[in-house]
Amino acid sequence: MKPLRLIAFAACATVALAASPVSAQTKWNLPAAYPADNPHTVNLLAFAKDVAAATGDKLQITVHPAASLFKAPEIKRAVQTGQAQVGEVLISLHENEDPMFGLDVVPFVATSYPEALKLWAASKPVIEKKLEAQGLKLLFGVPWGPQGIYAKKDINSLDDMKGLKWRAYNVGTSRIAEIVGAQPVTIQAAELPQALATGVVNAFMTSGSTGYDSKAWETMTHFYDTQAWIPKNLTFVNKAAFEALDKPTQDAILKSAATAETRGWKLAEEKAGWYLDQLKANKMKVLPPSAELKAGLKKVGEQLTADWTKKAGPDGEAVIAAYKK
């Protein structure tokens, strides 16, 4: 009888272990497109830590930086299909799906952080609804730095942009290339250093942080601080995965997400000037745009705003009207 008692004890122990908090632990993957020291990724790591602390490690989120799990354009689809439970993307990558996803990259609509925050407040309910229809729940949105032009030569007018091999990463940057007579080449952030090193592109428009991440000074000589737009990364969760969690865990995620959004906006604004200082420290010329270049870009902006409003229809008109109030 003794061996039977031992077997029974072992079976009870196995059941107890299966019911323990260890087995109740949920593990999620969060693919991200940017390096581990990029402010967006730093914020995601802090978010994951906050969620673990708030749930007593019941939910653990592993952040996969630098497009190591999925490439930037694949992340949203991966979360929709449940290949990853949560993800972060530059939302304008998906403007072809819906014009609302490209609002924050329409040039010169919002060019300062207060304006960008106001635009986010006006557009968030509509974007939230559109993501919801795709099986995604929005958690938070965080901005990049203002966008400027990187080049290997003086650019004093739109004419100086003709013929450039121009890095495009969304609809807006492709359209700018077309309008000014440059050649658009689609390159995501993780592939930018190699594209610069091999001469696949010789000019591009992005933030100080992406310029820093890609060591733009190794191939570029000029940065024109045009402050053309302030794009955003959105972090969202697979709706079914979120709804499968208990209410306290859901609440912990939403609370941590609200903290991450506030922290992310603060971090972006604080770091914007620092990144430009790093470009200067690495011998790049950081310059304001000339009056002629500024006027030319403003016309491009007006054309792209008209294009966008036409595509976005009533939703777009309503958001722009709310923003301008």
Protein backbone atom coordinates (compact mmCIF):
# COMPACT_ATOMS: atom_id res chain seq x y z
CA MET A 1 0.00 0.00 0.00
CA LYS A 2 2.92 2.30 0.65
CA PRO A 3 3.82 2.77 -3.07
CA LEU A 4 0.14 3.51 -3.84
CA ARG A 5 0.08 6.22 -1.17
CA LEU A 6 3.24 7.71 -2.69
CA ILE A 7 1.64 7.70 -6.15
CA ALA A 8 -1.51 9.35 -4.77
CA PHE A 9 0.62 11.97 -2.98
CA ALA A 10 2.57 12.64 -6.19
CA ALA A 11 -0.67 13.04 -8.16
CA CYS A 12 -2.04 15.51 -5.58
CA ALA A 13 1.21 17.46 -5.68
CA THR A 14 1.03 17.64 -9.49
CA VAL A 15 -2.56 18.96 -9.34
CA ALA A 16 -1.55 21.52 -6.71
CA LEU A 17 1.38 22.64 -8.85
CA ALA A 18 -0.85 22.96 -11.91
CA ALA A 19 -3.18 25.22 -9.94
CA SER A 20 -0.33 27.33 -8.55
CA PRO A 21 0.30 30.95 -9.66
CA VAL A 22 3.25 29.76 -11.79
CA SER A 23 0.96 27.89 -14.17
CA ALA A 24 -1.54 30.75 -14.15
CA GLN A 25 1.14 33.05 -15.51
CA THR A 26 0.42 34.46 -18.98
CA LYS A 27 3.29 35.33 -21.33
CA TRP A 28 2.91 37.80 -24.17
CA ASN A 29 5.27 38.87 -26.93
CA LEU A 30 5.56 42.52 -27.98
CA PRO A 31 7.42 43.03 -31.29
CA ALA A 32 8.93 46.51 -31.80
CA ALA A 33 10.82 47.94 -34.77
CA TYR A 34 13.42 50.13 -33.06
CA PRO A 35 16.67 49.54 -31.12
CA ALA A 36 16.62 48.78 -27.39
CA ASP A 37 17.94 52.25 -26.48
CA ASN A 38 15.43 54.14 -28.64
CA PRO A 39 13.00 56.16 -26.43
CA HIS A 40 10.01 54.23 -27.83
CA THR A 41 11.54 50.89 -26.87
CA VAL A 42 12.70 52.23 -23.49
CA ASN A 43 9.09 53.24 -22.86
CA LEU A 44 7.79 49.81 -23.94
CA LEU A 45 10.22 48.09 -21.56
CA ALA A 46 8.99 50.32 -18.72
CA PHE A 47 5.38 49.51 -19.71
CA ALA A 48 6.11 45.75 -19.59
CA LYS A 49 7.76 46.18 -16.18
CA ASP A 50 4.76 48.17 -14.88
CA VAL A 51 2.34 45.47 -16.07
CA ALA A 52 4.38 42.71 -14.41
CA ALA A 53 4.50 44.68 -11.12
CA ALA A 54 0.77 45.55 -11.22
CA THR A 55 -0.24 41.92 -11.86
CA GLY A 56 2.25 40.34 -9.45
CA ASP A 57 4.03 38.76 -12.47
CA LYS A 58 0.76 37.13 -13.52
CA LEU A 59 1.18 38.74 -16.96
CA GLN A 60 4.69 38.95 -18.39
CA ILE A 61 5.32 40.88 -21.60
CA THR A 62 8.58 40.30 -23.48
CA VAL A 63 9.60 43.21 -25.72
CA HIS A 64 11.45 42.18 -28.91
CA PRO A 65 13.30 45.30 -30.18
CA ALA A 66 14.97 46.15 -33.52
CA ALA A 67 12.47 44.24 -35.71
CA SER A 68 13.91 40.99 -34.28
CA LEU A 69 10.56 39.15 -34.12
CA PHE A 70 8.68 40.79 -37.02
CA LYS A 71 9.69 43.53 -39.46
CA ALA A 72 7.96 46.89 -38.96
CA PRO A 73 5.32 46.47 -41.71
CA GLU A 74 4.47 42.94 -40.43
CA ILE A 75 3.84 43.80 -36.76
CA LYS A 76 0.24 44.99 -37.02
CA ARG A 77 -0.82 41.93 -38.99
CA ALA A 78 1.02 39.65 -36.55
CA VAL A 79 -1.01 41.08 -33.65
CA GLN A 80 -4.27 40.90 -35.61
CA THR A 81 -3.69 37.20 -36.36
CA GLY A 82 -2.53 36.37 -32.81
CA GLN A 83 1.08 35.55 -33.78
CA ALA A 84 1.97 38.17 -31.17
CA GLN A 85 -0.42 39.41 -28.50
CA VAL A 86 0.66 43.06 -28.42
CA GLY A 87 2.78 45.26 -30.69
CA GLU A 88 3.98 48.75 -31.50
CA VAL A 89 4.03 50.33 -34.98
CA LEU A 90 4.54 53.64 -36.66
CA ILE A 91 0.86 53.93 -37.54
CA SER A 92 1.43 55.86 -40.78
CA LEU A 93 2.95 52.68 -42.25
CA HIS A 94 -0.66 51.58 -42.66
CA GLU A 95 -2.11 54.69 -44.32
CA ASN A 96 -2.96 52.58 -47.39
CA GLU A 97 -5.43 50.64 -45.20
CA ASP A 98 -7.12 53.79 -43.96
CA PRO A 99 -6.25 57.50 -44.47
CA MET A 100 -6.85 58.15 -40.74
CA PHE A 101 -3.67 56.18 -39.98
CA GLY A 102 -1.69 58.77 -41.94
CA LEU A 103 -3.07 61.98 -40.45
CA ASP A 104 -0.05 62.69 -38.25
CA VAL A 105 2.33 62.66 -41.25
CA VAL A 106 0.45 65.23 -43.32
CA PRO A 107 3.13 67.96 -43.51
CA PHE A 108 2.67 71.15 -41.48
CA VAL A 109 -0.70 70.23 -39.93
CA ALA A 110 0.87 69.82 -36.46
CA THR A 111 4.50 70.92 -36.04
CA SER A 112 4.91 71.33 -32.27
CA TYR A 113 4.28 68.94 -29.37
CA PRO A 114 1.25 70.90 -28.05
CA GLU A 115 -0.24 70.85 -31.57
CA ALA A 116 0.56 67.14 -32.00
CA LEU A 117 -1.09 66.33 -28.66
CA LYS A 118 -4.18 68.31 -29.66
CA LEU A 119 -4.31 66.46 -33.00
CA TRP A 120 -3.99 63.12 -31.17
CA ALA A 121 -6.87 64.04 -28.85
CA ALA A 122 -9.04 64.91 -31.88
CA SER A 123 -8.18 61.79 -33.87
CA LYS A 124 -7.84 59.16 -31.11
CA PRO A 125 -11.56 58.16 -30.85
CA VAL A 126 -11.79 57.61 -34.64
CA ILE A 127 -8.50 55.64 -34.80
CA GLU A 128 -9.55 53.59 -31.76
CA LYS A 129 -12.80 52.65 -33.51
CA LYS A 130 -11.01 51.68 -36.75
CA LEU A 131 -8.51 49.47 -34.89
CA GLU A 132 -11.37 47.89 -32.93
CA ALA A 133 -13.00 46.86 -36.24
CA GLN A 134 -9.73 45.10 -37.11
CA GLY A 135 -9.69 43.09 -33.87
CA LEU A 136 -7.23 45.39 -32.10
CA LYS A 137 -7.52 47.38 -28.89
CA LEU A 138 -5.54 50.62 -28.74
CA LEU A 139 -3.40 50.98 -25.62
CA PHE A 140 -1.38 54.18 -26.17
CA GLY A 141 0.24 56.52 -28.69
CA VAL A 142 3.67 58.17 -28.38
CA PRO A 143 5.26 60.75 -30.71
CA TRP A 144 8.61 60.95 -32.46
CA GLY A 145 10.66 64.10 -32.76
CA PRO A 146 9.80 66.69 -35.41
CA GLN A 147 10.83 65.59 -38.91
CA GLY A 148 13.69 67.17 -40.84
CA ILE A 149 15.66 66.51 -44.03
CA TYR A 150 18.98 64.64 -44.03
CA ALA A 151 21.18 65.13 -47.09
CA LYS A 152 24.75 65.03 -48.39
CA LYS A 153 24.55 68.49 -49.96
CA ASP A 154 23.03 71.94 -49.55
CA ILE A 155 19.26 71.94 -50.05
CA ASN A 156 18.03 75.50 -50.37
CA SER A 157 14.91 74.89 -52.48
CA LEU A 158 12.70 72.09 -53.78
CA ASP A 159 14.75 72.14 -57.01
CA ASP A 160 17.75 70.87 -55.02
CA MET A 161 15.73 67.74 -54.16
CA LYS A 162 15.25 66.67 -57.78
CA GLY A 163 16.84 63.32 -58.61
CA LEU A 164 17.70 62.44 -55.00
CA LYS A 165 17.38 58.77 -53.98
CA TRP A 166 14.85 59.54 -51.27
CA ARG A 167 14.08 57.10 -48.46
CA ALA A 168 10.32 56.59 -48.18
CA TYR A 169 8.65 54.72 -45.31
CA ASN A 170 4.97 55.59 -45.78
CA VAL A 171 2.52 57.16 -48.23
CA GLY A 172 3.42 60.74 -47.24
CA THR A 173 7.18 60.42 -47.71
CA SER A 174 6.62 58.66 -51.08
CA ARG A 175 4.33 61.48 -52.23
CA ILE A 176 6.86 64.16 -51.21
CA ALA A 177 9.45 62.41 -53.41
CA GLU A 178 7.03 62.29 -56.35
CA ILE A 179 6.08 65.98 -56.02
CA VAL A 180 9.67 67.27 -55.80
CA GLY A 181 11.02 64.94 -58.49
CA ALA A 182 13.07 62.67 -56.23
CA GLN A 183 13.18 58.88 -56.52
CA PRO A 184 11.33 57.16 -53.63
CA VAL A 185 13.00 54.04 -52.21
CA THR A 186 11.06 52.17 -49.47
CA ILE A 187 13.37 51.54 -46.50
CA GLN A 188 12.25 50.78 -42.93
CA ALA A 189 14.19 52.13 -39.92
CA ALA A 190 15.95 48.83 -39.12
CA GLU A 191 17.32 48.69 -42.70
CA LEU A 192 18.33 52.37 -42.92
CA PRO A 193 22.00 52.10 -41.79
CA GLN A 194 22.73 49.52 -44.50
CA ALA A 195 20.82 51.53 -47.14
CA LEU A 196 22.91 54.61 -46.28
CA ALA A 197 26.20 52.68 -46.22
CA THR A 198 25.53 51.14 -49.64
CA GLY A 199 24.20 54.33 -51.25
CA VAL A 200 20.72 52.93 -51.87
CA VAL A 201 19.43 56.29 -50.53
CA ASN A 202 21.20 59.66 -50.33
CA ALA A 203 18.50 61.78 -48.65
CA PHE A 204 15.60 61.20 -46.30
CA MET A 205 13.19 62.86 -43.94
CA THR A 206 12.89 61.65 -40.36
CA SER A 207 13.43 62.59 -36.72
CA GLY A 208 16.65 63.33 -34.87
CA SER A 209 16.32 60.01 -33.03
CA THR A 210 16.19 57.86 -36.19
CA GLY A 211 19.15 59.87 -37.54
CA TYR A 212 21.00 59.10 -34.32
CA ASP A 213 20.01 55.40 -34.30
CA SER A 214 21.24 54.99 -37.88
CA LYS A 215 24.44 57.09 -37.34
CA ALA A 216 23.41 59.36 -40.20
CA TRP A 217 26.63 61.40 -39.79
CA GLU A 218 28.63 58.52 -41.29
CA THR A 219 27.09 59.27 -44.71
CA MET A 220 25.10 62.53 -44.40
CA THR A 221 26.45 66.05 -43.90
CA HIS A 222 23.31 68.21 -43.45
CA PHE A 223 20.17 68.13 -41.32
CA TYR A 224 17.50 70.74 -42.11
CA ASP A 225 15.22 71.20 -39.10
CA THR A 226 12.00 71.66 -41.08
CA GLN A 227 9.73 70.41 -38.23
CA ALA A 228 7.41 69.16 -40.95
CA TRP A 229 5.32 66.77 -38.83
CA ILE A 230 5.39 64.76 -35.61
CA PRO A 231 4.46 61.13 -36.32
CA LYS A 232 3.37 58.61 -33.70
CA ASN A 233 3.86 55.00 -32.78
CA LEU A 234 0.76 53.21 -31.52
CA THR A 235 0.81 50.24 -29.17
CA PHE A 236 -2.18 47.92 -29.37
CA VAL A 237 -3.25 44.49 -28.18
CA ASN A 238 -5.07 41.63 -29.87
CA LYS A 239 -8.65 42.20 -28.71
CA ALA A 240 -9.40 38.50 -28.13
CA ALA A 241 -6.20 38.07 -26.07
CA PHE A 242 -7.13 41.11 -23.97
CA GLU A 243 -10.71 39.93 -23.41
CA ALA A 244 -9.46 36.48 -22.30
CA LEU A 245 -7.81 38.11 -19.26
CA ASP A 246 -9.55 38.65 -15.94
CA LYS A 247 -10.79 42.15 -15.07
CA PRO A 248 -7.97 43.06 -12.59
CA THR A 249 -5.35 42.17 -15.23
CA GLN A 250 -7.17 44.18 -17.90
CA ASP A 251 -7.34 47.17 -15.53
CA ALA A 252 -3.62 46.83 -14.75
CA ILE A 253 -2.79 46.93 -18.48
CA LEU A 254 -4.96 49.99 -19.12
CA LYS A 255 -3.51 51.84 -16.13
CA SER A 256 0.06 50.98 -17.19
CA ALA A 257 -0.81 52.06 -20.76
CA ALA A 258 -2.04 55.49 -19.57
CA THR A 259 1.21 55.93 -17.62
CA ALA A 260 3.23 54.87 -20.69
CA GLU A 261 1.48 57.43 -22.90
CA THR A 262 2.18 60.30 -20.48
CA ARG A 263 5.79 59.16 -19.97
CA GLY A 264 6.32 58.66 -23.73
CA TRP A 265 5.21 62.19 -24.67
CA LYS A 266 7.41 63.68 -21.96
CA LEU A 267 10.40 61.57 -23.01
CA ALA A 268 9.98 62.44 -26.71
CA GLU A 269 9.95 66.18 -26.06
CA GLU A 270 12.88 66.02 -23.63
CA LYS A 271 15.01 63.97 -26.03
CA ALA A 272 14.25 65.91 -29.26
CA GLY A 273 16.84 68.63 -28.53
CA TRP A 274 19.36 66.10 -27.23
CA TYR A 275 19.31 64.18 -30.52
CA LEU A 276 20.00 67.35 -32.53
CA ASP A 277 22.93 68.07 -30.20
CA GLN A 278 24.29 64.58 -30.98
CA LEU A 279 24.08 65.28 -34.72
CA LYS A 280 26.04 68.51 -34.19
CA ALA A 281 28.58 66.73 -31.95
CA ASN A 282 29.19 64.31 -34.82
CA LYS A 283 30.00 67.21 -37.17
CA MET A 284 26.68 67.41 -39.01
CA LYS A 285 25.40 70.84 -40.03
CA VAL A 286 22.06 71.31 -38.25
CA LEU A 287 20.33 74.17 -40.05
CA PRO A 288 16.94 75.86 -40.29
CA PRO A 289 15.37 75.62 -43.76
CA SER A 290 15.90 78.61 -46.05
CA ALA A 291 12.89 80.85 -46.70
CA GLU A 292 12.64 79.39 -50.22
CA LEU A 293 12.76 75.77 -49.01
CA LYS A 294 10.23 76.52 -46.28
CA ALA A 295 7.84 78.14 -48.78
CA GLY A 296 8.23 75.21 -51.18
CA LEU A 297 7.59 72.63 -48.46
CA LYS A 298 4.54 74.61 -47.29
CA LYS A 299 3.06 74.28 -50.82
CA VAL A 300 3.80 70.54 -50.78
CA GLY A 301 2.05 70.41 -47.39
CA GLU A 302 -1.03 72.21 -48.73
CA GLN A 303 -1.25 69.78 -51.65
CA LEU A 304 -0.86 66.72 -49.39
CA THR A 305 -3.42 68.08 -46.89
CA ALA A 306 -5.95 68.52 -49.72
CA ASP A 307 -5.16 64.99 -51.00
CA TRP A 308 -5.53 63.52 -47.52
CA THR A 309 -8.82 65.32 -46.73
CA LYS A 310 -10.30 64.12 -50.00
CA LYS A 311 -9.31 60.49 -49.22
CA ALA A 312 -10.37 60.63 -45.56
CA GLY A 313 -13.86 61.98 -46.32
CA PRO A 314 -16.27 62.97 -43.50
CA ASP A 315 -14.15 61.32 -40.77
CA GLY A 316 -11.12 63.33 -41.81
CA GLU A 317 -13.05 66.61 -42.11
CA ALA A 318 -14.57 66.10 -38.65
CA VAL A 319 -11.16 65.42 -37.04
CA ILE A 320 -9.50 68.42 -38.71
CA ALA A 321 -12.45 70.63 -37.65
CA ALA A 322 -12.16 69.37 -34.02
CA TYR A 323 -8.41 69.96 -34.10
CA LYS A 324 -8.77 73.54 -35.39
CA LYS A 325 -11.36 74.51 -32.73
